[in-house]
Amino acid sequence: METWQRLIKRQDFSHSFFCGVLRDMAQPKLPLPLPFEEIMQRHRREIMRYLLRLSSNPEDAADLFQETWLRAYRAYPRLEAEDSVRPWLYTIASNLWRNRARDSARRARVIVPDEKAVPAADLIAKDHRVDHETEGYAAVHLRELIADLPGKQQQALHLRYFAGLDYAEIANAIDCSEESARANVSQAVGKLKKRW
């Protein structure tokens, strides 16, 4: 094979052709994904808010947040340039939350709580619904209602109304069809209206 220098010396190629080839070689054919640090800076707050809403426990949300970014960092080299990063991050966070909720449910079935250890005030507060005189009580009541929804409905509702994802992105994040994502959001809203 001849090198570029030999081809130029032989003058088989015109100067303009050679410059065009070099220019084409220098430009990437596909847009590259953003650097990982920039992705993290752009999306860290919304991912943390999402996990806080789902878990309603700051320590669990912090653990899930760290695990989300760790998994995203590991999978980042395999990310295609045309993939949308935001739904990809929500998918990772949703899967981690779903796994944590499933594991917690398994442990709860094995470990029976001692009713003597639970204060009576906590038991009363669970069954007692507060009259919604202020926005603070309404927000707490809404949070309780959302927490009582089934997992997929809860996730779909959060992704639609708090994260602003469309139904195709929600379907990708919670691993279901677009119709199922739409149905989960609709059922969640219906349950919230009925219980409110």
Protein backbone atom coordinates (compact mmCIF):
# COMPACT_ATOMS: atom_id res chain seq x y z
CA MET A 1 0.00 0.00 0.00
CA GLU A 2 1.18 3.44 -0.77
CA THR A 3 1.27 6.08 1.91
CA TRP A 4 -0.31 9.50 1.59
CA GLN A 5 3.10 11.05 0.98
CA ARG A 6 3.79 8.82 -2.01
CA LEU A 7 0.37 9.53 -3.48
CA ILE A 8 0.91 13.25 -3.12
CA LYS A 9 4.40 13.03 -4.67
CA ARG A 10 2.97 11.11 -7.60
CA GLN A 11 0.30 13.82 -7.83
CA ASP A 12 -2.39 11.31 -8.59
CA PHE A 13 -4.78 13.38 -6.52
CA SER A 14 -5.53 17.01 -6.86
CA HIS A 15 -4.92 19.25 -3.89
CA SER A 16 -8.64 20.02 -3.41
CA PHE A 17 -9.53 16.31 -3.41
CA PHE A 18 -6.86 15.57 -0.82
CA CYS A 19 -8.04 18.41 1.47
CA GLY A 20 -11.63 17.19 1.15
CA VAL A 21 -10.62 13.67 2.17
CA LEU A 22 -8.76 14.97 5.22
CA ARG A 23 -11.68 17.18 6.20
CA ASP A 24 -14.10 14.25 5.92
CA MET A 25 -11.80 12.06 7.99
CA ALA A 26 -11.57 14.69 10.73
CA GLN A 27 -15.34 15.06 11.15
CA PRO A 28 -17.14 12.28 13.06
CA LYS A 29 -19.93 10.60 11.13
CA LEU A 30 -22.24 10.24 14.17
CA PRO A 31 -22.70 12.74 16.98
CA LEU A 32 -20.87 11.52 20.05
CA PRO A 33 -22.64 11.33 23.43
CA LEU A 34 -21.84 14.06 25.90
CA PRO A 35 -19.00 13.51 28.36
CA PHE A 36 -20.23 11.60 31.40
CA GLU A 37 -19.47 14.46 33.81
CA GLU A 38 -21.68 16.79 31.78
CA ILE A 39 -24.50 14.24 31.73
CA MET A 40 -24.26 13.92 35.49
CA GLN A 41 -24.28 17.70 35.98
CA ARG A 42 -27.36 18.08 33.77
CA HIS A 43 -29.46 15.30 35.25
CA ARG A 44 -28.37 14.72 38.84
CA ARG A 45 -31.00 16.93 40.48
CA GLU A 46 -33.96 15.52 38.61
CA ILE A 47 -32.83 11.92 39.17
CA MET A 48 -32.44 12.61 42.89
CA ARG A 49 -35.90 14.23 43.07
CA TYR A 50 -37.38 11.26 41.25
CA LEU A 51 -35.80 8.77 43.65
CA LEU A 52 -36.86 10.83 46.67
CA ARG A 53 -40.46 10.82 45.46
CA LEU A 54 -40.43 7.09 44.83
CA SER A 55 -38.71 5.97 48.00
CA SER A 56 -39.90 8.75 50.36
CA ASN A 57 -36.83 7.97 52.45
CA PRO A 58 -33.79 10.24 52.05
CA GLU A 59 -31.27 7.52 52.95
CA ASP A 60 -32.74 5.02 50.51
CA ALA A 61 -32.92 7.70 47.83
CA ALA A 62 -29.26 8.61 48.40
CA ASP A 63 -28.23 4.95 48.13
CA LEU A 64 -30.27 4.50 44.96
CA PHE A 65 -28.86 7.76 43.56
CA GLN A 66 -25.28 6.59 44.04
CA GLU A 67 -26.04 3.17 42.59
CA THR A 68 -27.79 4.77 39.60
CA TRP A 69 -24.73 6.83 38.71
CA LEU A 70 -22.38 3.94 39.32
CA ARG A 71 -24.36 1.73 36.95
CA ALA A 72 -24.68 4.55 34.43
CA TYR A 73 -20.92 5.09 34.50
CA ARG A 74 -20.29 1.39 33.92
CA ALA A 75 -22.77 1.23 31.03
CA TYR A 76 -21.79 4.59 29.51
CA PRO A 77 -19.22 3.19 27.04
CA ARG A 78 -21.97 1.04 25.49
CA LEU A 79 -24.36 4.00 25.10
CA GLU A 80 -25.17 4.67 21.46
CA ALA A 81 -24.78 8.24 20.26
CA GLU A 82 -28.38 8.49 19.11
CA ASP A 83 -29.81 7.15 22.39
CA SER A 84 -31.58 9.66 24.55
CA VAL A 85 -29.68 9.95 27.81
CA ARG A 86 -32.52 11.20 30.02
CA PRO A 87 -34.86 8.18 29.61
CA TRP A 88 -31.82 5.89 29.87
CA LEU A 89 -31.01 7.35 33.31
CA TYR A 90 -34.64 7.08 34.42
CA THR A 91 -34.63 3.44 33.31
CA ILE A 92 -31.61 2.68 35.48
CA ALA A 93 -33.11 4.53 38.48
CA SER A 94 -36.52 2.85 38.01
CA ASN A 95 -35.02 -0.62 37.80
CA LEU A 96 -32.96 -0.05 40.94
CA TRP A 97 -35.99 1.28 42.84
CA ARG A 98 -38.13 -1.64 41.67
CA ASN A 99 -35.48 -4.13 42.82
CA ARG A 100 -35.18 -2.41 46.20
CA ALA A 101 -38.98 -2.38 46.67
CA ARG A 102 -39.20 -6.06 45.75
CA ASP A 103 -36.40 -6.99 48.15
CA SER A 104 -37.98 -4.93 50.94
CA ALA A 105 -41.31 -6.68 50.38
CA ARG A 106 -39.59 -10.06 50.62
CA ARG A 107 -37.90 -9.07 53.88
CA ALA A 108 -41.16 -7.71 55.27
CA ARG A 109 -42.82 -11.08 54.72
CA VAL A 110 -40.04 -12.82 56.60
CA ILE A 111 -39.66 -10.34 59.47
CA VAL A 112 -42.86 -9.83 61.46
CA PRO A 113 -42.84 -6.49 63.28
CA ASP A 114 -43.42 -6.47 67.01
CA GLU A 115 -46.54 -4.36 67.63
CA LYS A 116 -45.21 -3.37 71.03
CA ALA A 117 -42.29 -1.66 69.32
CA VAL A 118 -44.62 0.48 67.17
CA PRO A 119 -45.93 3.49 69.12
CA ALA A 120 -49.69 3.83 69.30
CA ALA A 121 -49.48 7.32 67.82
CA ASP A 122 -47.97 5.89 64.63
CA LEU A 123 -50.76 3.31 64.34
CA ILE A 124 -53.43 5.96 64.81
CA ALA A 125 -51.77 8.35 62.34
CA LYS A 126 -51.77 5.64 59.66
CA ASP A 127 -55.52 5.16 59.80
CA HIS A 128 -56.51 8.73 60.58
CA ARG A 129 -56.97 11.04 57.61
CA VAL A 130 -56.29 14.70 58.29
CA ASP A 131 -58.70 17.37 57.10
CA HIS A 132 -56.90 19.25 54.34
CA GLU A 133 -57.00 22.80 55.63
CA THR A 134 -53.60 23.83 54.36
CA GLU A 135 -51.50 23.03 51.35
CA GLY A 136 -48.96 21.26 53.55
CA TYR A 137 -51.50 18.70 54.70
CA ALA A 138 -52.76 18.27 51.15
CA ALA A 139 -49.22 17.63 49.91
CA VAL A 140 -48.62 15.06 52.66
CA HIS A 141 -51.95 13.39 51.92
CA LEU A 142 -51.18 13.27 48.18
CA ARG A 143 -47.75 11.78 48.91
CA GLU A 144 -49.40 9.07 51.04
CA LEU A 145 -51.91 8.30 48.30
CA ILE A 146 -49.17 8.03 45.67
CA ALA A 147 -47.13 5.77 47.99
CA ASP A 148 -50.13 3.42 48.25
CA LEU A 149 -50.30 2.93 44.46
CA PRO A 150 -48.90 -0.25 42.89
CA GLY A 151 -45.25 0.03 41.83
CA LYS A 152 -45.65 0.44 38.06
CA GLN A 153 -48.50 2.94 38.44
CA GLN A 154 -46.47 4.91 40.96
CA GLN A 155 -43.42 4.96 38.67
CA ALA A 156 -45.46 5.86 35.58
CA LEU A 157 -47.18 8.71 37.42
CA HIS A 158 -43.88 10.13 38.67
CA LEU A 159 -42.24 9.84 35.25
CA ARG A 160 -45.18 11.51 33.49
CA TYR A 161 -46.07 14.36 35.83
CA PHE A 162 -42.88 15.01 37.78
CA ALA A 163 -40.18 14.11 35.27
CA GLY A 164 -42.16 15.17 32.18
CA LEU A 165 -41.37 12.11 30.07
CA ASP A 166 -43.64 11.13 27.19
CA TYR A 167 -45.33 7.73 27.09
CA ALA A 168 -42.70 6.14 24.83
CA GLU A 169 -39.95 7.19 27.26
CA ILE A 170 -42.00 5.95 30.23
CA ALA A 171 -42.50 2.61 28.50
CA ASN A 172 -38.75 2.34 27.98
CA ALA A 173 -38.01 3.32 31.60
CA ILE A 174 -40.39 0.85 33.25
CA ASP A 175 -40.00 -1.89 30.64
CA CYS A 176 -43.51 -2.12 29.22
CA SER A 177 -45.41 -1.18 26.07
CA GLU A 178 -46.44 2.38 25.35
CA GLU A 179 -50.11 1.43 25.78
CA SER A 180 -49.32 -0.12 29.15
CA ALA A 181 -47.48 3.03 30.23
CA ARG A 182 -50.49 5.14 29.23
CA ALA A 183 -52.82 2.75 31.10
CA ASN A 184 -50.64 2.84 34.24
CA VAL A 185 -50.70 6.64 34.31
CA SER A 186 -54.45 6.73 33.68
CA GLN A 187 -55.19 4.14 36.37
CA ALA A 188 -52.98 5.96 38.87
CA VAL A 189 -54.73 9.27 38.24
CA GLY A 190 -58.13 7.56 38.52
CA LYS A 191 -57.22 5.99 41.86
CA LEU A 192 -55.91 9.29 43.20
CA LYS A 193 -59.11 11.11 42.19
CA LYS A 194 -61.27 8.41 43.78
CA ARG A 195 -59.35 8.41 47.08
CA TRP A 196 -58.95 12.18 47.31
